[in-house]
Amino acid sequence: MYKHVFLTGTPGIGKTTLIKKTLEALTSLGFSFDGFYTEEIRDGGRRVGFDIVTLSGKRGILARISSSFPSEKHEFRVGQYVVDINSFEQLALPALNHIASENHKTVCVIDEIGKMELFSQSFVYVVQKALDSAGALVFGTIPIAKGKPLHFIEEIRNRRDVKVFNITKENRDVILQDIVAAIQDCNK
């Protein structure tokens, strides 16, 4: 039996949208949440970065295109993006503080566990702790497997207690009830 639910799929397919719709549906069923989601930042139709948004409404920078940081040396990069680890950790880690709670009605939302987020070893530790906790129900997103696999993400994908939904253009508008049902099943 699984106790965590993850969504995977290509970038821009609608994983974060499904996270938000699932949270709306679960709220009416009495669930509470802690955690965060990521949001694309666009300027004139062009993606220039990502923000982290906690479920309590706090917002900070996750990453911006490197031209936004012209004179500084940055250790953490994914493609054209510079990752702001300090901003990420200041928001993500406190938002995930309650993950080991024995209250099975609290869902820990982690959107996303990807290359940018994995630069933070503190984040990896907290996610691992949540996945191994008897009381945590993690609902999150992971990138689709392509190229060289990321070890931690593959560990999550292959856990016996994780249900993974592959989101596609064909199913993204009809899969919501299956996701809600899976999370309800985790809570039994």
N, C-alpha and C. Protein backbone atom coordinates (compact mmCIF):
# COMPACT_ATOMS: atom_id res chain seq x y z
N MET A 1 0.84 -1.18 0.00
CA MET A 1 0.00 0.00 0.00
C MET A 1 0.89 1.25 0.00
N TYR A 2 0.53 2.23 -0.75
CA TYR A 2 1.32 3.44 -0.83
C TYR A 2 0.81 4.48 0.17
N LYS A 3 1.70 5.41 0.55
CA LYS A 3 1.32 6.46 1.47
C LYS A 3 1.75 7.85 1.00
N HIS A 4 2.33 7.92 -0.19
CA HIS A 4 2.73 9.20 -0.79
C HIS A 4 2.28 9.21 -2.25
N VAL A 5 1.96 10.40 -2.77
CA VAL A 5 1.51 10.53 -4.15
C VAL A 5 2.36 11.61 -4.84
N PHE A 6 2.88 11.24 -6.02
CA PHE A 6 3.67 12.19 -6.80
C PHE A 6 3.13 12.27 -8.22
N LEU A 7 3.29 13.46 -8.80
CA LEU A 7 2.95 13.69 -10.20
C LEU A 7 4.27 13.88 -10.95
N THR A 8 4.33 13.34 -12.16
CA THR A 8 5.49 13.55 -13.01
C THR A 8 4.99 13.87 -14.41
N GLY A 9 5.86 14.44 -15.21
CA GLY A 9 5.49 14.80 -16.57
C GLY A 9 6.45 15.84 -17.10
N THR A 10 6.33 16.15 -18.36
CA THR A 10 7.23 17.11 -19.00
C THR A 10 6.98 18.51 -18.43
N PRO A 11 7.98 19.39 -18.52
CA PRO A 11 7.80 20.76 -18.04
C PRO A 11 6.63 21.44 -18.76
N GLY A 12 5.81 22.17 -18.00
CA GLY A 12 4.70 22.91 -18.57
C GLY A 12 3.46 22.09 -18.85
N ILE A 13 3.43 20.82 -18.46
CA ILE A 13 2.30 19.93 -18.78
C ILE A 13 1.09 20.19 -17.88
N GLY A 14 1.32 20.81 -16.69
CA GLY A 14 0.20 21.11 -15.81
C GLY A 14 0.27 20.49 -14.43
N LYS A 15 1.46 20.08 -14.01
CA LYS A 15 1.60 19.44 -12.70
C LYS A 15 1.22 20.39 -11.56
N THR A 16 1.73 21.62 -11.61
CA THR A 16 1.41 22.57 -10.54
C THR A 16 -0.07 22.93 -10.56
N THR A 17 -0.65 23.05 -11.72
CA THR A 17 -2.09 23.31 -11.82
C THR A 17 -2.87 22.18 -11.16
N LEU A 18 -2.45 20.95 -11.41
CA LEU A 18 -3.13 19.80 -10.78
C LEU A 18 -2.91 19.76 -9.27
N ILE A 19 -1.74 20.18 -8.82
CA ILE A 19 -1.50 20.28 -7.37
C ILE A 19 -2.53 21.22 -6.77
N LYS A 20 -2.68 22.41 -7.35
CA LYS A 20 -3.61 23.42 -6.82
C LYS A 20 -5.06 22.92 -6.86
N LYS A 21 -5.47 22.29 -7.95
CA LYS A 21 -6.85 21.78 -8.06
C LYS A 21 -7.09 20.66 -7.04
N THR A 22 -6.08 19.82 -6.82
CA THR A 22 -6.21 18.74 -5.85
C THR A 22 -6.37 19.31 -4.44
N LEU A 23 -5.58 20.35 -4.12
CA LEU A 23 -5.68 20.97 -2.80
C LEU A 23 -7.07 21.57 -2.58
N GLU A 24 -7.63 22.19 -3.62
CA GLU A 24 -9.00 22.72 -3.51
C GLU A 24 -9.99 21.60 -3.20
N ALA A 25 -9.88 20.49 -3.91
CA ALA A 25 -10.80 19.37 -3.71
C ALA A 25 -10.63 18.76 -2.32
N LEU A 26 -9.40 18.63 -1.85
CA LEU A 26 -9.15 18.01 -0.55
C LEU A 26 -9.54 18.91 0.61
N THR A 27 -9.49 20.22 0.41
CA THR A 27 -9.89 21.15 1.46
C THR A 27 -11.34 20.92 1.85
N SER A 28 -12.18 20.69 0.85
CA SER A 28 -13.60 20.45 1.13
C SER A 28 -13.83 19.12 1.84
N LEU A 29 -12.81 18.24 1.84
CA LEU A 29 -12.92 16.95 2.51
C LEU A 29 -12.27 16.98 3.91
N GLY A 30 -11.84 18.17 4.34
CA GLY A 30 -11.30 18.31 5.69
C GLY A 30 -9.80 18.15 5.83
N PHE A 31 -9.08 18.06 4.74
CA PHE A 31 -7.63 17.94 4.80
C PHE A 31 -7.00 19.31 5.08
N SER A 32 -5.84 19.29 5.73
CA SER A 32 -5.05 20.51 5.87
C SER A 32 -3.69 20.26 5.22
N PHE A 33 -2.96 21.35 4.94
CA PHE A 33 -1.75 21.25 4.14
C PHE A 33 -0.65 22.12 4.70
N ASP A 34 0.57 21.73 4.40
CA ASP A 34 1.74 22.55 4.64
C ASP A 34 2.67 22.28 3.47
N GLY A 35 3.51 23.24 3.12
CA GLY A 35 4.44 23.02 2.03
C GLY A 35 4.49 24.19 1.08
N PHE A 36 4.81 23.89 -0.18
CA PHE A 36 5.00 24.95 -1.17
C PHE A 36 4.78 24.43 -2.59
N TYR A 37 4.63 25.37 -3.49
CA TYR A 37 4.64 25.06 -4.92
C TYR A 37 5.54 26.07 -5.61
N THR A 38 5.92 25.76 -6.85
CA THR A 38 6.75 26.67 -7.63
C THR A 38 5.91 27.31 -8.71
N GLU A 39 6.29 28.52 -9.07
CA GLU A 39 5.53 29.27 -10.07
C GLU A 39 6.50 29.89 -11.06
N GLU A 40 6.18 29.75 -12.35
CA GLU A 40 6.98 30.38 -13.39
C GLU A 40 6.84 31.89 -13.31
N ILE A 41 7.94 32.59 -13.57
CA ILE A 41 7.92 34.05 -13.65
C ILE A 41 8.20 34.41 -15.10
N ARG A 42 7.29 35.19 -15.68
CA ARG A 42 7.42 35.57 -17.09
C ARG A 42 7.54 37.08 -17.22
N ASP A 43 8.27 37.50 -18.24
CA ASP A 43 8.42 38.91 -18.56
C ASP A 43 8.24 39.04 -20.07
N GLY A 44 7.14 39.65 -20.47
CA GLY A 44 6.86 39.80 -21.90
C GLY A 44 6.69 38.47 -22.61
N GLY A 45 6.10 37.49 -21.93
CA GLY A 45 5.88 36.18 -22.53
C GLY A 45 7.08 35.24 -22.45
N ARG A 46 8.19 35.73 -21.96
CA ARG A 46 9.42 34.92 -21.86
C ARG A 46 9.62 34.49 -20.41
N ARG A 47 9.89 33.19 -20.20
CA ARG A 47 10.15 32.72 -18.84
C ARG A 47 11.51 33.22 -18.39
N VAL A 48 11.51 33.91 -17.25
CA VAL A 48 12.75 34.49 -16.72
C VAL A 48 13.15 33.87 -15.38
N GLY A 49 12.31 32.98 -14.85
CA GLY A 49 12.67 32.36 -13.59
C GLY A 49 11.52 31.64 -12.93
N PHE A 50 11.75 31.30 -11.66
CA PHE A 50 10.77 30.58 -10.86
C PHE A 50 10.76 31.16 -9.45
N ASP A 51 9.59 31.23 -8.86
CA ASP A 51 9.44 31.60 -7.45
C ASP A 51 8.96 30.40 -6.68
N ILE A 52 9.24 30.41 -5.39
CA ILE A 52 8.67 29.44 -4.47
C ILE A 52 7.56 30.17 -3.72
N VAL A 53 6.40 29.52 -3.60
CA VAL A 53 5.26 30.11 -2.91
C VAL A 53 4.80 29.11 -1.86
N THR A 54 4.83 29.53 -0.59
CA THR A 54 4.38 28.62 0.47
C THR A 54 2.86 28.61 0.49
N LEU A 55 2.29 27.57 1.06
CA LEU A 55 0.84 27.48 1.15
C LEU A 55 0.26 28.49 2.13
N SER A 56 1.14 29.13 2.92
CA SER A 56 0.68 30.22 3.80
C SER A 56 0.80 31.57 3.11
N GLY A 57 1.25 31.58 1.83
CA GLY A 57 1.26 32.80 1.04
C GLY A 57 2.58 33.54 0.95
N LYS A 58 3.64 33.05 1.56
CA LYS A 58 4.94 33.70 1.44
C LYS A 58 5.56 33.35 0.10
N ARG A 59 6.31 34.30 -0.46
CA ARG A 59 6.89 34.12 -1.79
C ARG A 59 8.33 34.57 -1.80
N GLY A 60 9.16 33.83 -2.55
CA GLY A 60 10.56 34.21 -2.70
C GLY A 60 11.12 33.64 -3.99
N ILE A 61 12.33 34.06 -4.29
CA ILE A 61 12.99 33.63 -5.53
C ILE A 61 13.53 32.21 -5.37
N LEU A 62 13.26 31.38 -6.36
CA LEU A 62 13.92 30.08 -6.48
C LEU A 62 15.06 30.21 -7.49
N ALA A 63 14.77 30.78 -8.67
CA ALA A 63 15.80 30.91 -9.70
C ALA A 63 15.44 32.02 -10.67
N ARG A 64 16.46 32.62 -11.28
CA ARG A 64 16.28 33.62 -12.32
C ARG A 64 17.32 33.35 -13.41
N ILE A 65 17.03 33.85 -14.63
CA ILE A 65 18.03 33.69 -15.69
C ILE A 65 19.31 34.39 -15.25
N SER A 66 20.44 33.85 -15.69
CA SER A 66 21.73 34.32 -15.19
C SER A 66 21.98 35.78 -15.48
N SER A 67 21.39 36.35 -16.52
CA SER A 67 21.61 37.77 -16.82
C SER A 67 21.04 38.67 -15.73
N SER A 68 20.19 38.13 -14.86
CA SER A 68 19.67 38.90 -13.73
C SER A 68 20.71 39.06 -12.64
N PHE A 69 21.78 38.28 -12.69
CA PHE A 69 22.85 38.31 -11.70
C PHE A 69 24.18 38.51 -12.42
N PRO A 70 24.37 39.64 -13.15
CA PRO A 70 25.51 39.76 -14.06
C PRO A 70 26.89 39.77 -13.41
N SER A 71 27.06 40.39 -12.26
CA SER A 71 28.43 40.57 -11.76
C SER A 71 28.80 39.62 -10.63
N GLU A 72 27.87 38.79 -10.22
CA GLU A 72 28.15 37.92 -9.09
C GLU A 72 28.47 36.50 -9.56
N LYS A 73 29.33 35.83 -8.81
CA LYS A 73 29.61 34.42 -9.08
C LYS A 73 28.54 33.59 -8.38
N HIS A 74 27.94 32.67 -9.10
CA HIS A 74 26.91 31.84 -8.51
C HIS A 74 27.26 30.38 -8.65
N GLU A 75 27.20 29.69 -7.54
CA GLU A 75 27.60 28.30 -7.46
C GLU A 75 26.55 27.35 -8.02
N PHE A 76 25.27 27.72 -7.91
CA PHE A 76 24.19 26.81 -8.25
C PHE A 76 23.49 27.25 -9.53
N ARG A 77 23.63 26.44 -10.59
CA ARG A 77 23.04 26.76 -11.88
C ARG A 77 22.37 25.53 -12.48
N VAL A 78 21.26 25.78 -13.17
CA VAL A 78 20.61 24.76 -13.98
C VAL A 78 20.33 25.44 -15.31
N GLY A 79 21.07 25.05 -16.34
CA GLY A 79 20.93 25.69 -17.64
C GLY A 79 21.20 27.18 -17.53
N GLN A 80 20.26 27.99 -18.01
CA GLN A 80 20.45 29.44 -17.98
C GLN A 80 20.03 30.07 -16.65
N TYR A 81 19.59 29.24 -15.70
CA TYR A 81 19.06 29.75 -14.43
C TYR A 81 20.08 29.66 -13.30
N VAL A 82 20.10 30.71 -12.50
CA VAL A 82 20.88 30.74 -11.27
C VAL A 82 19.91 30.48 -10.13
N VAL A 83 20.23 29.50 -9.29
CA VAL A 83 19.36 29.11 -8.19
C VAL A 83 19.76 29.87 -6.93
N ASP A 84 18.77 30.48 -6.28
CA ASP A 84 18.99 31.22 -5.04
C ASP A 84 18.68 30.28 -3.87
N ILE A 85 19.68 29.52 -3.46
CA ILE A 85 19.51 28.50 -2.42
C ILE A 85 19.06 29.14 -1.10
N ASN A 86 19.63 30.28 -0.74
CA ASN A 86 19.25 30.91 0.53
C ASN A 86 17.77 31.26 0.56
N SER A 87 17.28 31.88 -0.49
CA SER A 87 15.85 32.23 -0.55
C SER A 87 14.98 30.98 -0.50
N PHE A 88 15.38 29.96 -1.26
CA PHE A 88 14.63 28.71 -1.28
C PHE A 88 14.55 28.08 0.10
N GLU A 89 15.71 27.96 0.77
CA GLU A 89 15.73 27.32 2.08
C GLU A 89 14.96 28.11 3.13
N GLN A 90 15.04 29.43 3.06
CA GLN A 90 14.33 30.26 4.04
C GLN A 90 12.82 30.06 3.98
N LEU A 91 12.31 29.72 2.80
CA LEU A 91 10.86 29.50 2.66
C LEU A 91 10.47 28.03 2.73
N ALA A 92 11.20 27.18 2.03
CA ALA A 92 10.82 25.77 1.93
C ALA A 92 10.98 25.02 3.25
N LEU A 93 12.10 25.22 3.91
CA LEU A 93 12.37 24.42 5.11
C LEU A 93 11.36 24.68 6.23
N PRO A 94 11.06 25.94 6.57
CA PRO A 94 10.03 26.16 7.60
C PRO A 94 8.66 25.65 7.18
N ALA A 95 8.34 25.75 5.90
CA ALA A 95 7.03 25.29 5.41
C ALA A 95 6.89 23.78 5.55
N LEU A 96 8.01 23.07 5.58
CA LEU A 96 7.97 21.61 5.69
C LEU A 96 8.24 21.11 7.11
N ASN A 97 8.32 22.03 8.05
CA ASN A 97 8.65 21.69 9.44
C ASN A 97 7.71 20.69 10.08
N HIS A 98 6.47 20.67 9.71
CA HIS A 98 5.48 19.82 10.37
C HIS A 98 5.31 18.46 9.70
N ILE A 99 6.23 18.09 8.84
CA ILE A 99 6.06 16.88 8.03
C ILE A 99 6.07 15.59 8.81
N ALA A 100 6.71 15.56 9.94
CA ALA A 100 6.78 14.31 10.68
C ALA A 100 5.64 14.17 11.69
N SER A 101 4.67 15.05 11.57
CA SER A 101 3.53 15.03 12.49
C SER A 101 2.77 13.72 12.37
N GLU A 102 2.21 13.29 13.45
CA GLU A 102 1.39 12.07 13.43
C GLU A 102 -0.03 12.36 12.93
N ASN A 103 -0.34 13.61 12.65
CA ASN A 103 -1.67 13.98 12.17
C ASN A 103 -1.80 13.61 10.70
N HIS A 104 -2.47 12.50 10.42
CA HIS A 104 -2.58 12.01 9.04
C HIS A 104 -3.45 12.90 8.16
N LYS A 105 -4.13 13.88 8.75
CA LYS A 105 -4.95 14.78 7.95
C LYS A 105 -4.13 15.92 7.34
N THR A 106 -2.85 16.05 7.74
CA THR A 106 -2.00 17.08 7.17
C THR A 106 -1.22 16.50 6.00
N VAL A 107 -1.36 17.12 4.85
CA VAL A 107 -0.67 16.69 3.64
C VAL A 107 0.53 17.62 3.42
N CYS A 108 1.69 17.04 3.23
CA CYS A 108 2.91 17.80 2.97
C CYS A 108 3.06 17.96 1.46
N VAL A 109 2.93 19.20 0.98
CA VAL A 109 2.97 19.49 -0.45
C VAL A 109 4.38 19.96 -0.83
N ILE A 110 4.99 19.25 -1.79
CA ILE A 110 6.34 19.60 -2.25
C ILE A 110 6.33 19.63 -3.78
N ASP A 111 6.17 20.83 -4.31
CA ASP A 111 6.16 21.03 -5.77
C ASP A 111 7.28 22.00 -6.11
N GLU A 112 8.44 21.53 -6.29
CA GLU A 112 8.83 20.29 -6.92
C GLU A 112 10.09 19.79 -6.27
N ILE A 113 10.39 18.51 -6.47
CA ILE A 113 11.69 17.96 -6.09
C ILE A 113 12.42 17.76 -7.42
N GLY A 114 13.24 18.74 -7.77
CA GLY A 114 13.94 18.71 -9.05
C GLY A 114 15.38 19.16 -8.90
N LYS A 115 16.05 19.35 -10.02
CA LYS A 115 17.48 19.71 -10.02
C LYS A 115 17.78 20.94 -9.17
N MET A 116 16.95 21.97 -9.32
CA MET A 116 17.21 23.21 -8.59
C MET A 116 17.11 23.00 -7.09
N GLU A 117 16.06 22.33 -6.67
CA GLU A 117 15.82 22.11 -5.24
C GLU A 117 16.86 21.18 -4.62
N LEU A 118 17.38 20.24 -5.41
CA LEU A 118 18.31 19.25 -4.89
C LEU A 118 19.70 19.82 -4.59
N PHE A 119 19.95 21.08 -4.95
CA PHE A 119 21.20 21.71 -4.54
C PHE A 119 21.24 21.89 -3.02
N SER A 120 20.08 21.91 -2.39
CA SER A 120 20.00 22.10 -0.94
C SER A 120 20.03 20.74 -0.23
N GLN A 121 21.12 20.46 0.45
CA GLN A 121 21.21 19.20 1.20
C GLN A 121 20.24 19.18 2.37
N SER A 122 19.95 20.35 2.94
CA SER A 122 18.97 20.44 4.03
C SER A 122 17.59 20.04 3.52
N PHE A 123 17.26 20.46 2.30
CA PHE A 123 15.98 20.11 1.69
C PHE A 123 15.91 18.60 1.46
N VAL A 124 16.97 18.01 0.92
CA VAL A 124 17.00 16.56 0.67
C VAL A 124 16.77 15.82 1.99
N TYR A 125 17.42 16.27 3.05
CA TYR A 125 17.27 15.64 4.36
C TYR A 125 15.81 15.71 4.84
N VAL A 126 15.20 16.88 4.74
CA VAL A 126 13.82 17.06 5.21
C VAL A 126 12.84 16.22 4.38
N VAL A 127 13.04 16.15 3.08
CA VAL A 127 12.18 15.33 2.23
C VAL A 127 12.33 13.85 2.59
N GLN A 128 13.57 13.40 2.77
CA GLN A 128 13.80 12.00 3.14
C GLN A 128 13.13 11.69 4.48
N LYS A 129 13.24 12.61 5.42
CA LYS A 129 12.62 12.44 6.73
C LYS A 129 11.10 12.33 6.59
N ALA A 130 10.53 13.15 5.73
CA ALA A 130 9.07 13.11 5.52
C ALA A 130 8.64 11.79 4.90
N LEU A 131 9.38 11.34 3.90
CA LEU A 131 9.04 10.09 3.23
C LEU A 131 9.15 8.88 4.16
N ASP A 132 10.08 8.95 5.10
CA ASP A 132 10.30 7.84 6.03
C ASP A 132 9.44 7.92 7.29
N SER A 133 8.79 9.06 7.50
CA SER A 133 7.99 9.26 8.70
C SER A 133 6.69 8.45 8.64
N ALA A 134 6.33 7.87 9.76
CA ALA A 134 5.08 7.09 9.81
C ALA A 134 3.86 7.97 9.63
N GLY A 135 3.97 9.25 10.01
CA GLY A 135 2.79 10.11 9.98
C GLY A 135 2.66 11.02 8.78
N ALA A 136 3.67 11.08 7.93
CA ALA A 136 3.62 12.03 6.81
C ALA A 136 2.93 11.44 5.60
N LEU A 137 2.16 12.29 4.92
CA LEU A 137 1.56 11.98 3.64
C LEU A 137 2.10 13.05 2.69
N VAL A 138 3.03 12.68 1.82
CA VAL A 138 3.67 13.63 0.92
C VAL A 138 2.96 13.62 -0.42
N PHE A 139 2.61 14.81 -0.90
CA PHE A 139 2.01 15.00 -2.22
C PHE A 139 2.91 15.97 -2.96
N GLY A 140 3.56 15.49 -4.02
CA GLY A 140 4.52 16.35 -4.68
C GLY A 140 4.68 16.08 -6.15
N THR A 141 5.67 16.75 -6.73
CA THR A 141 5.98 16.55 -8.14
C THR A 141 7.47 16.24 -8.28
N ILE A 142 7.76 15.41 -9.27
CA ILE A 142 9.13 15.08 -9.64
C ILE A 142 9.21 15.17 -11.16
N PRO A 143 10.40 15.52 -11.68
CA PRO A 143 10.53 15.61 -13.14
C PRO A 143 10.44 14.24 -13.78
N ILE A 144 10.07 14.23 -15.04
CA ILE A 144 10.02 12.99 -15.80
C ILE A 144 11.45 12.50 -15.99
N ALA A 145 11.64 11.20 -15.96
CA ALA A 145 12.98 10.64 -16.12
C ALA A 145 13.46 10.84 -17.55
N LYS A 146 14.58 11.54 -17.70
CA LYS A 146 15.19 11.72 -19.02
C LYS A 146 16.66 11.99 -18.82
N GLY A 147 17.46 11.60 -19.79
CA GLY A 147 18.90 11.81 -19.66
C GLY A 147 19.46 11.03 -18.49
N LYS A 148 20.47 11.60 -17.86
CA LYS A 148 21.10 10.97 -16.70
C LYS A 148 20.15 11.09 -15.50
N PRO A 149 19.75 9.95 -14.92
CA PRO A 149 18.81 10.01 -13.80
C PRO A 149 19.42 10.69 -12.57
N LEU A 150 18.57 11.40 -11.85
CA LEU A 150 18.98 12.00 -10.58
C LEU A 150 18.68 10.97 -9.50
N HIS A 151 19.70 10.56 -8.78
CA HIS A 151 19.61 9.45 -7.84
C HIS A 151 18.46 9.60 -6.85
N PHE A 152 18.36 10.73 -6.19
CA PHE A 152 17.33 10.91 -5.17
C PHE A 152 15.92 10.83 -5.76
N ILE A 153 15.74 11.41 -6.93
CA ILE A 153 14.43 11.37 -7.59
C ILE A 153 14.07 9.94 -7.99
N GLU A 154 15.05 9.19 -8.48
CA GLU A 154 14.79 7.80 -8.84
C GLU A 154 14.47 6.96 -7.61
N GLU A 155 15.11 7.27 -6.49
CA GLU A 155 14.77 6.59 -5.23
C GLU A 155 13.30 6.81 -4.88
N ILE A 156 12.86 8.06 -5.01
CA ILE A 156 11.45 8.37 -4.72
C ILE A 156 10.54 7.62 -5.68
N ARG A 157 10.85 7.71 -6.97
CA ARG A 157 10.02 7.09 -8.00
C ARG A 157 9.87 5.57 -7.78
N ASN A 158 10.90 4.95 -7.24
CA ASN A 158 10.92 3.49 -7.10
C ASN A 158 10.53 2.99 -5.71
N ARG A 159 10.16 3.87 -4.82
CA ARG A 159 9.74 3.43 -3.48
C ARG A 159 8.43 2.65 -3.59
N ARG A 160 8.31 1.62 -2.78
CA ARG A 160 7.08 0.81 -2.77
C ARG A 160 5.89 1.59 -2.22
N ASP A 161 6.14 2.59 -1.38
CA ASP A 161 5.05 3.35 -0.75
C ASP A 161 4.68 4.62 -1.50
N VAL A 162 5.13 4.74 -2.76
CA VAL A 162 4.86 5.93 -3.57
C VAL A 162 4.03 5.55 -4.79
N LYS A 163 2.95 6.29 -5.01
CA LYS A 163 2.12 6.17 -6.21
C LYS A 163 2.49 7.34 -7.11
N VAL A 164 2.89 7.07 -8.36
CA VAL A 164 3.29 8.11 -9.29
C VAL A 164 2.29 8.17 -10.45
N PHE A 165 1.76 9.36 -10.67
CA PHE A 165 0.88 9.61 -11.81
C PHE A 165 1.68 10.33 -12.88
N ASN A 166 1.69 9.78 -14.11
CA ASN A 166 2.35 10.43 -15.24
C ASN A 166 1.33 11.34 -15.92
N ILE A 167 1.57 12.64 -15.86
CA ILE A 167 0.63 13.62 -16.41
C ILE A 167 0.98 13.87 -17.88
N THR A 168 -0.05 13.77 -18.73
CA THR A 168 0.11 13.98 -20.17
C THR A 168 -0.95 14.96 -20.66
N LYS A 169 -0.81 15.43 -21.89
CA LYS A 169 -1.85 16.28 -22.48
C LYS A 169 -3.18 15.55 -22.54
N GLU A 170 -3.11 14.24 -22.75
CA GLU A 170 -4.33 13.43 -22.90
C GLU A 170 -5.07 13.24 -21.58
N ASN A 171 -4.35 13.17 -20.45
CA ASN A 171 -5.03 12.87 -19.19
C ASN A 171 -5.13 14.03 -18.21
N ARG A 172 -4.46 15.12 -18.45
CA ARG A 172 -4.38 16.18 -17.43
C ARG A 172 -5.72 16.81 -17.07
N ASP A 173 -6.69 16.75 -17.97
CA ASP A 173 -8.00 17.33 -17.68
C ASP A 173 -8.98 16.34 -17.07
N VAL A 174 -8.59 15.07 -16.98
CA VAL A 174 -9.52 14.05 -16.47
C VAL A 174 -8.96 13.23 -15.31
N ILE A 175 -7.76 13.53 -14.86
CA ILE A 175 -7.10 12.69 -13.86
C ILE A 175 -7.29 13.18 -12.42
N LEU A 176 -7.88 14.35 -12.25
CA LEU A 176 -8.00 14.95 -10.91
C LEU A 176 -8.65 14.02 -9.90
N GLN A 177 -9.76 13.39 -10.24
CA GLN A 177 -10.45 12.53 -9.28
C GLN A 177 -9.61 11.32 -8.89
N ASP A 178 -8.81 10.80 -9.82
CA ASP A 178 -7.92 9.68 -9.50
C ASP A 178 -6.85 10.11 -8.48
N ILE A 179 -6.34 11.32 -8.64
CA ILE A 179 -5.33 11.84 -7.71
C ILE A 179 -5.95 12.04 -6.32
N VAL A 180 -7.13 12.65 -6.28
CA VAL A 180 -7.81 12.88 -5.00
C VAL A 180 -8.09 11.54 -4.32
N ALA A 181 -8.57 10.57 -5.06
CA ALA A 181 -8.86 9.25 -4.50
C ALA A 181 -7.59 8.59 -3.96
N ALA A 182 -6.48 8.73 -4.67
CA ALA A 182 -5.22 8.14 -4.21
C ALA A 182 -4.78 8.75 -2.89
N ILE A 183 -4.92 10.07 -2.75
CA ILE A 183 -4.54 10.72 -1.50
C ILE A 183 -5.49 10.30 -0.37
N GLN A 184 -6.76 10.17 -0.67
CA GLN A 184 -7.71 9.69 0.34
C GLN A 184 -7.34 8.27 0.78
N ASP A 185 -6.92 7.43 -0.15
CA ASP A 185 -6.51 6.07 0.18
C ASP A 185 -5.27 6.06 1.08
N CYS A 186 -4.36 7.00 0.86
CA CYS A 186 -3.16 7.10 1.69
C CYS A 186 -3.53 7.43 3.13
N ASN A 187 -4.63 8.10 3.30
CA ASN A 187 -5.04 8.61 4.61
C ASN A 187 -5.78 7.57 5.45
N LYS A 188 -6.02 6.39 4.90
CA LYS A 188 -6.79 5.37 5.62
C LYS A 188 -5.93 4.58 6.58
